[in-house]
Protein backbone atom coordinates (compact mmCIF):
# COMPACT_ATOMS: atom_id res chain seq x y z
CA MET A 1 321.97 -32.38 12.87
CA GLY A 2 325.20 -33.95 14.02
CA GLY A 3 325.15 -37.65 14.75
CA ALA A 4 327.34 -39.90 16.82
CA PRO A 5 330.99 -40.17 15.74
CA THR A 6 331.45 -42.80 13.06
CA VAL A 7 335.21 -43.27 13.35
CA ARG A 8 337.29 -43.76 16.49
CA VAL A 9 340.85 -42.54 15.95
CA GLY A 10 343.78 -42.92 18.32
CA VAL A 11 346.66 -40.45 18.14
CA LEU A 12 350.09 -41.13 19.57
CA GLY A 13 352.40 -38.14 19.39
CA GLY A 14 356.03 -38.06 20.36
CA THR A 15 359.58 -37.34 19.38
CA PHE A 16 360.10 -41.01 18.46
CA ASP A 17 363.86 -40.69 18.79
CA PRO A 18 363.71 -43.61 18.27
CA ILE A 19 360.31 -45.28 18.25
CA HIS A 20 360.40 -48.45 20.38
CA ILE A 21 358.29 -51.40 21.43
CA GLY A 22 356.79 -49.46 24.34
CA HIS A 23 355.15 -47.08 21.86
CA LEU A 24 353.84 -49.94 19.76
CA ILE A 25 352.51 -51.93 22.71
CA ALA A 26 350.70 -48.89 24.09
CA ALA A 27 349.13 -48.09 20.72
CA GLU A 28 347.97 -51.67 20.11
CA GLU A 29 346.59 -52.16 23.62
CA VAL A 30 344.64 -48.90 23.43
CA ARG A 31 343.38 -49.76 19.96
CA CYS A 32 342.01 -53.08 21.13
CA GLU A 33 340.70 -51.92 24.53
CA LEU A 34 338.86 -48.88 23.14
CA ALA A 35 337.86 -50.46 19.80
CA LEU A 36 339.65 -47.86 17.70
CA ASP A 37 339.49 -47.96 13.93
CA THR A 38 343.03 -46.67 13.52
CA VAL A 39 345.95 -45.21 15.44
CA LEU A 40 347.88 -42.29 13.97
CA PHE A 41 351.53 -41.88 14.90
CA ALA A 42 352.36 -38.18 14.80
CA PRO A 43 356.10 -37.41 15.08
CA ALA A 44 356.79 -33.97 16.53
CA GLY A 45 358.74 -31.66 14.27
CA GLN A 46 359.87 -29.28 17.04
CA PRO A 47 358.95 -30.66 20.48
CA PRO A 48 358.60 -27.73 22.92
CA HIS A 49 360.34 -29.63 25.74
CA LYS A 50 363.39 -30.79 23.76
CA ASP A 51 366.56 -29.08 22.60
CA PRO A 52 366.36 -29.42 18.80
CA THR A 53 370.14 -29.70 18.52
CA THR A 54 370.02 -32.99 20.44
CA LEU A 55 367.43 -34.68 18.21
CA ALA A 56 368.06 -36.99 15.29
CA PRO A 57 367.08 -35.26 12.04
CA VAL A 58 363.34 -35.40 11.52
CA PHE A 59 363.56 -37.45 8.32
CA HIS A 60 365.31 -40.22 10.26
CA ARG A 61 362.68 -40.18 13.00
CA VAL A 62 359.86 -40.30 10.46
CA ARG A 63 361.46 -43.15 8.56
CA MET A 64 361.87 -45.18 11.76
CA VAL A 65 358.17 -44.70 12.51
CA GLU A 66 357.28 -45.86 9.00
CA LEU A 67 359.40 -48.98 9.41
CA ALA A 68 358.00 -49.73 12.87
CA ILE A 69 354.31 -49.54 11.93
CA ALA A 70 354.47 -51.05 8.44
CA SER A 71 353.28 -54.50 9.55
CA ASN A 72 350.14 -53.26 11.34
CA ALA A 73 347.26 -52.33 9.03
CA PHE A 74 345.58 -50.36 11.84
CA PHE A 75 348.56 -48.02 12.27
CA ALA A 76 349.30 -45.01 10.07
CA LEU A 77 351.72 -42.08 9.95
CA SER A 78 350.40 -38.54 10.39
CA ARG A 79 352.52 -35.62 9.21
CA VAL A 80 350.31 -33.07 10.97
CA ASP A 81 353.22 -31.81 13.11
CA LEU A 82 355.74 -31.89 10.28
CA GLU A 83 353.96 -29.77 7.72
CA ARG A 84 353.64 -26.60 9.79
CA PRO A 85 356.16 -24.15 11.28
CA GLY A 86 356.79 -23.63 14.97
CA ARG A 87 356.77 -25.87 18.00
CA SER A 88 354.52 -28.91 18.20
CA TYR A 89 352.01 -28.09 20.93
CA THR A 90 349.38 -30.77 21.51
CA VAL A 91 346.40 -28.42 21.44
CA GLU A 92 347.42 -27.13 18.00
CA THR A 93 348.02 -30.66 16.76
CA LEU A 94 344.53 -31.66 17.85
CA ARG A 95 342.93 -28.64 16.21
CA LEU A 96 344.60 -29.48 12.92
CA LEU A 97 343.60 -33.14 13.21
CA ARG A 98 340.03 -32.15 13.98
CA GLY A 99 340.02 -30.12 10.79
CA GLN A 100 341.43 -33.05 8.81
CA LEU A 101 339.23 -35.76 10.30
CA GLY A 102 336.00 -33.80 10.55
CA THR A 103 333.27 -33.97 13.15
CA GLY A 104 332.54 -37.62 12.37
CA ALA A 105 335.70 -38.75 14.18
CA GLU A 106 336.19 -39.21 17.90
CA ILE A 107 339.82 -38.62 18.81
CA PHE A 108 341.62 -40.48 21.60
CA PHE A 109 344.97 -38.92 22.43
CA ILE A 110 347.28 -41.56 23.90
CA ILE A 111 349.51 -40.46 26.78
CA GLY A 112 351.33 -42.02 29.71
CA MET A 113 350.44 -41.58 33.36
CA ASP A 114 353.43 -39.26 33.75
CA SER A 115 352.06 -36.94 31.07
CA LEU A 116 348.61 -36.93 32.65
CA ALA A 117 350.17 -35.77 35.92
CA GLU A 118 351.70 -32.78 34.08
CA LEU A 119 348.66 -31.95 31.93
CA ALA A 120 347.76 -28.77 33.81
CA SER A 121 351.14 -27.28 32.79
CA TRP A 122 350.54 -27.88 29.07
CA ARG A 123 349.54 -25.10 26.71
CA ASP A 124 345.74 -24.70 26.94
CA PRO A 125 344.98 -27.99 28.74
CA LEU A 126 341.24 -27.27 28.79
CA GLY A 127 341.43 -26.88 25.03
CA VAL A 128 343.13 -30.27 24.81
CA ILE A 129 340.38 -32.10 26.70
CA SER A 130 337.70 -30.30 24.70
CA LEU A 131 339.15 -31.65 21.46
CA CYS A 132 339.72 -35.27 22.46
CA ARG A 133 339.44 -37.99 25.03
CA LEU A 134 342.65 -38.96 26.79
CA ALA A 135 343.63 -42.63 26.59
CA VAL A 136 345.99 -42.90 29.54
CA VAL A 137 348.31 -45.88 29.88
CA ASN A 138 350.25 -46.92 32.97
CA ARG A 139 353.97 -46.22 32.79
CA PRO A 140 356.19 -47.61 35.51
CA PRO A 141 357.40 -46.30 37.87
CA TYR A 142 354.81 -43.49 37.82
CA PRO A 143 351.88 -43.91 40.26
CA GLN A 144 348.18 -43.70 39.40
CA VAL A 145 346.98 -40.11 39.09
CA ASP A 146 344.07 -38.99 41.28
CA LEU A 147 341.61 -37.46 38.81
CA SER A 148 339.47 -35.97 41.56
CA THR A 149 342.45 -33.89 42.63
CA MET A 150 343.04 -32.76 39.04
CA GLU A 151 339.44 -31.55 38.81
CA ARG A 152 340.31 -28.39 40.75
CA ALA A 153 342.69 -27.25 38.03
CA LEU A 154 340.95 -28.91 35.08
CA PRO A 155 337.17 -29.09 35.58
CA GLY A 156 335.66 -31.99 33.64
CA ILE A 157 338.90 -33.96 33.30
CA SER A 158 337.43 -37.04 35.02
CA LYS A 159 334.88 -37.47 32.26
CA ARG A 160 337.45 -37.15 29.49
CA VAL A 161 339.87 -39.90 30.53
CA ASP A 162 339.96 -43.60 29.63
CA MET A 163 342.48 -45.57 31.67
CA VAL A 164 344.04 -48.48 29.77
CA ARG A 165 346.29 -50.99 31.49
CA ILE A 166 349.14 -52.26 29.34
CA PRO A 167 351.95 -54.76 30.04
CA GLY A 168 354.42 -53.17 32.44
CA ILE A 169 357.40 -52.94 30.10
CA TYR A 170 359.71 -49.99 30.66
CA VAL A 171 361.59 -48.88 27.56
CA ALA A 172 362.77 -45.31 26.99
CA SER A 173 364.16 -43.68 23.88
CA SER A 174 366.88 -41.98 25.95
CA ASP A 175 368.02 -45.36 27.27
CA ILE A 176 368.15 -46.76 23.74
CA GLN A 177 370.27 -43.82 22.61
CA ALA A 178 372.66 -44.39 25.52
CA ARG A 179 372.92 -48.11 24.77
CA VAL A 180 373.76 -47.46 21.12
CA ALA A 181 376.37 -44.90 22.14
CA ARG A 182 378.00 -47.51 24.40
CA GLY A 183 377.88 -50.23 21.74
CA LEU A 184 375.26 -52.30 23.60
CA THR A 185 372.50 -54.32 21.99
CA ILE A 186 369.03 -52.84 21.47
CA ARG A 187 367.57 -56.00 19.99
CA TYR A 188 363.94 -56.58 21.07
CA GLN A 189 363.71 -53.03 22.44
CA VAL A 190 362.97 -51.68 18.98
CA PRO A 191 361.48 -53.49 15.96
CA GLU A 192 364.12 -55.26 13.89
CA PRO A 193 363.81 -52.89 10.88
CA VAL A 194 364.34 -49.92 13.23
CA GLU A 195 367.40 -51.57 14.78
CA ARG A 196 368.88 -52.10 11.31
CA TYR A 197 368.11 -48.51 10.33
CA ILE A 198 369.80 -47.10 13.43
CA LEU A 199 372.92 -49.17 12.87
CA ASP A 200 373.04 -48.62 9.10
CA HIS A 201 372.77 -44.84 9.47
CA GLY A 202 375.06 -44.49 12.48
CA LEU A 203 372.40 -42.85 14.64
CA TYR A 204 373.12 -42.11 18.31
CA ARG A 205 376.81 -42.92 17.96
CA PRO A 206 379.26 -40.60 19.75
CA PRO A 207 380.95 -38.00 17.52
CA LEU A 208 384.27 -38.93 15.97
CA ASP A 209 386.81 -36.08 15.81
CA GLY A 210 384.01 -33.55 16.16
CA VAL A 211 381.93 -35.03 13.34
CA SER A 212 378.38 -36.07 14.20
CA GLY A 213 377.67 -39.77 14.11
CA GLN A 214 374.25 -39.09 12.61
CA VAL A 215 374.36 -39.51 8.87
CA GLY A 216 372.80 -36.60 7.00
CA ASP A 217 372.88 -34.37 10.09
CA GLY A 218 373.47 -31.14 8.24
CA ALA A 219 370.87 -29.38 10.38
CA SER A 220 369.48 -30.95 13.51
CA GLY A 221 365.72 -31.40 13.85
């Protein structure tokens, strides 16, 4: 006989190019609000919605995640999307995590309100909500999603969502990349070790004479 889940695990997936304080705030707020035992940060190896040639090499993105979460004992790195071929679709990530964590874990997949609004367009969205609960955080300027409207496309979605309000801080990885490229400060938008790593490795700098500004960028992604 199966009993109630004994471990509550949050999962925050993403390109993390780079990881920033918005990611960390969302993960910590969800952890506390939903009484999670741990939050796994799962960098995407090949995000289906991104051009791989525009991404920082995966080893840089992983290292920045490691640096960002090192001070929080409740946070951990998951390589579930890095140790398999192909694109990183959420439903496949969740299936692999379910296999790793077992039936004794309840999984809370952390997404923003903007992602919830697009859920019906994901690969196998019904499979996604069968494998986890969705911990949905507000993300300005996106409005609250009407779950009753989503029910028509995704029956049962209303019962699989936990809304978590977090401080309304807007930080985007694309903005951080643009600021670095323009020589602007990113202090306080990313953890200090991540800021140092970006600057030390020349990430997100414009190419010089056709040479990438990303150190070690022999093959993107």
